[in-house]
Amino acid sequence: MCLAVPSEIVCINDFVATVDVHGARREISLLLLPEPVEVGDFVIVHAGFAIQKIDREAGNEALRMIRELVESEEFQEQYKEDFV
């Protein structure tokens, strides 16, 4: 299973961007995006490619829900072996 993660663009160099998710940064490709993006925009990232631009509010809300899920007791119990 794959999860597309909302990520904030912090740097752009041609068709490569650096994105940040809760302090974790990585480089992604912008080649699949149908619209231009700027530093500060949120994008959905899947398999190293930005696939869609989303508004800041939607990005922050999705990250909040992911954080709540990961911090839940049910998630921690089910996936505790994966985080050892």
C-alpha atoms as a PDB file:
ATOM      1  CA  MET A   1       0.000   0.000   0.000  1.00  0.00           C
ATOM      2  CA  CYS A   2       1.214   3.492  -0.819  1.00  0.00           C
ATOM      3  CA  LEU A   3       0.367   6.758   0.853  1.00  0.00           C
ATOM      4  CA  ALA A   4       0.528  10.055  -1.008  1.00  0.00           C
ATOM      5  CA  VAL A   5       1.753  12.648   1.489  1.00  0.00           C
ATOM      6  CA  PRO A   6       1.009  16.387   1.456  1.00  0.00           C
ATOM      7  CA  SER A   7       4.352  18.206   1.446  1.00  0.00           C
ATOM      8  CA  GLU A   8       5.366  21.868   1.551  1.00  0.00           C
ATOM      9  CA  ILE A   9       7.787  23.094  -1.111  1.00  0.00           C
ATOM     10  CA  VAL A  10      10.779  24.837   0.478  1.00  0.00           C
ATOM     11  CA  CYS A  11      13.094  25.127  -2.547  1.00  0.00           C
ATOM     12  CA  ILE A  12      12.749  24.805  -6.332  1.00  0.00           C
ATOM     13  CA  ASN A  13      15.553  24.212  -8.829  1.00  0.00           C
ATOM     14  CA  ASP A  14      14.188  23.726 -12.359  1.00  0.00           C
ATOM     15  CA  PHE A  15      11.984  20.608 -12.200  1.00  0.00           C
ATOM     16  CA  VAL A  16      13.264  19.411  -8.820  1.00  0.00           C
ATOM     17  CA  ALA A  17      11.884  20.666  -5.522  1.00  0.00           C
ATOM     18  CA  THR A  18      12.845  20.137  -1.913  1.00  0.00           C
ATOM     19  CA  VAL A  19       9.795  19.450   0.229  1.00  0.00           C
ATOM     20  CA  ASP A  20       9.329  19.384   3.988  1.00  0.00           C
ATOM     21  CA  VAL A  21       7.016  17.187   6.055  1.00  0.00           C
ATOM     22  CA  HIS A  22       7.353  17.796   9.792  1.00  0.00           C
ATOM     23  CA  GLY A  23      11.068  18.566   9.441  1.00  0.00           C
ATOM     24  CA  ALA A  24      11.878  15.658   7.117  1.00  0.00           C
ATOM     25  CA  ARG A  25      13.138  16.976   3.783  1.00  0.00           C
ATOM     26  CA  ARG A  26      13.580  15.238   0.463  1.00  0.00           C
ATOM     27  CA  GLU A  27      13.929  16.046  -3.198  1.00  0.00           C
ATOM     28  CA  ILE A  28      11.047  15.336  -5.531  1.00  0.00           C
ATOM     29  CA  SER A  29      10.322  15.747  -9.224  1.00  0.00           C
ATOM     30  CA  LEU A  30       7.893  18.379 -10.493  1.00  0.00           C
ATOM     31  CA  LEU A  31       7.709  16.897 -14.003  1.00  0.00           C
ATOM     32  CA  LEU A  32       4.206  15.419 -13.602  1.00  0.00           C
ATOM     33  CA  LEU A  33       2.527  18.594 -12.328  1.00  0.00           C
ATOM     34  CA  PRO A  34       0.161  20.228 -14.824  1.00  0.00           C
ATOM     35  CA  GLU A  35       0.478  23.650 -13.149  1.00  0.00           C
ATOM     36  CA  PRO A  36       3.325  25.831 -11.870  1.00  0.00           C
ATOM     37  CA  VAL A  37       4.167  25.848  -8.156  1.00  0.00           C
ATOM     38  CA  GLU A  38       6.074  28.196  -5.881  1.00  0.00           C
ATOM     39  CA  VAL A  39       7.963  27.925  -2.613  1.00  0.00           C
ATOM     40  CA  GLY A  40       5.367  27.643   0.156  1.00  0.00           C
ATOM     41  CA  ASP A  41       2.854  25.704  -1.956  1.00  0.00           C
ATOM     42  CA  PHE A  42       1.651  22.277  -0.835  1.00  0.00           C
ATOM     43  CA  VAL A  43       1.743  19.318  -3.192  1.00  0.00           C
ATOM     44  CA  ILE A  44       0.723  15.683  -2.953  1.00  0.00           C
ATOM     45  CA  VAL A  45       3.829  13.515  -3.360  1.00  0.00           C
ATOM     46  CA  HIS A  46       3.738   9.907  -4.504  1.00  0.00           C
ATOM     47  CA  ALA A  47       6.772   7.777  -5.360  1.00  0.00           C
ATOM     48  CA  GLY A  48       9.051  10.812  -5.514  1.00  0.00           C
ATOM     49  CA  PHE A  49       6.829  12.868  -7.823  1.00  0.00           C
ATOM     50  CA  ALA A  50       4.552  15.800  -7.042  1.00  0.00           C
ATOM     51  CA  ILE A  51       1.253  14.733  -8.586  1.00  0.00           C
ATOM     52  CA  GLN A  52      -1.114  17.514  -7.512  1.00  0.00           C
ATOM     53  CA  LYS A  53      -1.018  20.993  -6.010  1.00  0.00           C
ATOM     54  CA  ILE A  54      -3.344  21.496  -3.023  1.00  0.00           C
ATOM     55  CA  ASP A  55      -4.193  24.498  -0.902  1.00  0.00           C
ATOM     56  CA  ARG A  56      -2.378  25.114   2.386  1.00  0.00           C
ATOM     57  CA  GLU A  57      -5.454  24.449   4.537  1.00  0.00           C
ATOM     58  CA  ALA A  58      -6.083  21.047   2.954  1.00  0.00           C
ATOM     59  CA  GLY A  59      -2.394  20.129   3.278  1.00  0.00           C
ATOM     60  CA  ASN A  60      -2.238  21.049   6.949  1.00  0.00           C
ATOM     61  CA  GLU A  61      -5.505  19.221   7.690  1.00  0.00           C
ATOM     62  CA  ALA A  62      -4.299  16.033   5.977  1.00  0.00           C
ATOM     63  CA  LEU A  63      -1.004  16.149   7.903  1.00  0.00           C
ATOM     64  CA  ARG A  64      -2.906  16.665  11.161  1.00  0.00           C
ATOM     65  CA  MET A  65      -5.045  13.584  10.483  1.00  0.00           C
ATOM     66  CA  ILE A  66      -2.000  11.474   9.581  1.00  0.00           C
ATOM     67  CA  ARG A  67      -0.257  12.600  12.777  1.00  0.00           C
ATOM     68  CA  GLU A  68      -3.335  11.715  14.873  1.00  0.00           C
ATOM     69  CA  LEU A  69      -3.492   8.271  13.280  1.00  0.00           C
ATOM     70  CA  VAL A  70       0.188   7.522  13.881  1.00  0.00           C
ATOM     71  CA  GLU A  71      -0.054   8.712  17.489  1.00  0.00           C
ATOM     72  CA  SER A  72      -3.164   6.626  18.233  1.00  0.00           C
ATOM     73  CA  GLU A  73      -2.888   3.622  20.553  1.00  0.00           C
ATOM     74  CA  GLU A  74      -4.442   1.331  17.942  1.00  0.00           C
ATOM     75  CA  PHE A  75      -1.832   2.249  15.338  1.00  0.00           C
ATOM     76  CA  GLN A  76       1.026   2.009  17.826  1.00  0.00           C
ATOM     77  CA  GLU A  77      -0.088  -1.448  18.951  1.00  0.00           C
ATOM     78  CA  GLN A  78      -0.664  -2.805  15.453  1.00  0.00           C
ATOM     79  CA  TYR A  79       2.626  -1.509  13.990  1.00  0.00           C
ATOM     80  CA  LYS A  80       4.917  -1.514  17.047  1.00  0.00           C
ATOM     81  CA  GLU A  81       7.240  -4.095  15.447  1.00  0.00           C
ATOM     82  CA  ASP A  82       7.792  -1.774  12.473  1.00  0.00           C
ATOM     83  CA  PHE A  83       9.177   1.010  14.683  1.00  0.00           C
ATOM     84  CA  VAL A  84      11.694  -0.959  16.746  1.00  0.00           C
END
